[in-house]
Amino acid sequence: LAVVSPRQGQNIYLDGPTRVLLKASGGTGPTRWWFANGALLATTPAALPATWQPTPGTYTLRLVDNAGAASTVQVRVR
């Protein structure tokens, strides 16, 4: 299981309301859960990306699959 987008350490620059695609690869089972700083952002089918409308700040994005495997990245939104 891996977070494909956004990348670890990426800076995301906002230009008005911005939706960020959260993409994953690998993992087990039909569902993926996305969290930002511990708060649930989205529950999606494994094959589909999630979207996130962030505000400025530093975030730890965590992706979890049906088997409990997890992947995290840290990003900064400006």
Protein backbone atom coordinates (compact mmCIF):
# COMPACT_ATOMS: atom_id res chain seq x y z
CA LEU A 1 0.00 0.00 0.00
CA ALA A 2 1.39 3.40 -0.94
CA VAL A 3 0.28 7.00 -1.25
CA VAL A 4 1.11 7.96 -4.84
CA SER A 5 -0.15 11.54 -4.72
CA PRO A 6 0.59 13.87 -3.10
CA ARG A 7 4.24 12.97 -2.66
CA GLN A 8 6.12 12.95 0.63
CA GLY A 9 7.27 16.47 1.50
CA GLN A 10 5.29 18.10 -1.30
CA ASN A 11 4.32 21.76 -1.03
CA ILE A 12 0.79 22.39 -2.26
CA TYR A 13 0.09 25.98 -3.26
CA LEU A 14 -3.49 27.18 -3.10
CA ASP A 15 -4.90 29.54 -5.68
CA GLY A 16 -8.44 29.94 -4.43
CA PRO A 17 -10.49 26.84 -3.56
CA THR A 18 -8.32 23.92 -4.61
CA ARG A 19 -9.16 20.22 -4.67
CA VAL A 20 -6.20 17.88 -4.31
CA LEU A 21 -6.40 14.34 -5.71
CA LEU A 22 -5.36 11.67 -3.24
CA LYS A 23 -4.13 8.62 -5.14
CA ALA A 24 -3.08 5.21 -3.83
CA SER A 25 -1.54 2.05 -5.21
CA GLY A 26 -1.52 -1.49 -3.92
CA GLY A 27 -3.20 -2.65 -0.77
CA THR A 28 -5.74 -5.28 0.17
CA GLY A 29 -9.51 -5.29 -0.13
CA PRO A 30 -12.06 -3.07 -1.84
CA THR A 31 -11.93 0.05 0.35
CA ARG A 32 -9.43 2.76 1.26
CA TRP A 33 -9.70 5.27 4.12
CA TRP A 34 -7.91 8.62 3.96
CA PHE A 35 -7.10 10.70 7.05
CA ALA A 36 -5.56 14.16 7.52
CA ASN A 37 -3.96 14.74 10.92
CA GLY A 38 -6.09 11.90 12.30
CA ALA A 39 -9.45 13.13 10.96
CA LEU A 40 -11.25 11.01 8.36
CA LEU A 41 -11.25 12.74 4.97
CA ALA A 42 -12.78 10.12 2.71
CA THR A 43 -13.71 6.48 2.25
CA THR A 44 -13.31 5.35 -1.34
CA PRO A 45 -13.28 2.24 -3.50
CA ALA A 46 -9.69 1.02 -3.90
CA ALA A 47 -9.52 1.89 -7.61
CA LEU A 48 -10.70 5.50 -7.25
CA PRO A 49 -8.86 8.58 -5.97
CA ALA A 50 -10.27 10.73 -3.19
CA THR A 51 -10.42 14.52 -3.28
CA TRP A 52 -9.44 16.91 -0.51
CA GLN A 53 -9.98 20.65 -0.21
CA PRO A 54 -7.22 21.68 2.21
CA THR A 55 -6.56 24.91 4.03
CA PRO A 56 -3.05 26.22 4.74
CA GLY A 57 -1.06 24.18 7.21
CA THR A 58 1.09 21.11 7.66
CA TYR A 59 -0.62 17.75 7.32
CA THR A 60 0.11 14.09 7.84
CA LEU A 61 -1.99 12.18 5.32
CA ARG A 62 -2.62 8.55 6.23
CA LEU A 63 -4.03 5.89 3.94
CA VAL A 64 -5.43 2.63 5.38
CA ASP A 65 -6.69 -0.48 3.58
CA ASN A 66 -9.05 -3.30 4.62
CA ALA A 67 -6.22 -5.35 6.13
CA GLY A 68 -5.10 -2.46 8.34
CA ALA A 69 -1.95 -1.70 6.34
CA ALA A 70 -1.13 2.00 6.29
CA SER A 71 0.98 4.50 4.40
CA THR A 72 1.66 8.11 5.38
CA VAL A 73 3.06 11.24 3.79
CA GLN A 74 3.59 14.71 5.17
CA VAL A 75 2.71 17.74 3.06
CA ARG A 76 2.58 21.48 3.53
CA VAL A 77 -0.28 23.57 2.14
CA ARG A 78 0.43 27.24 1.50
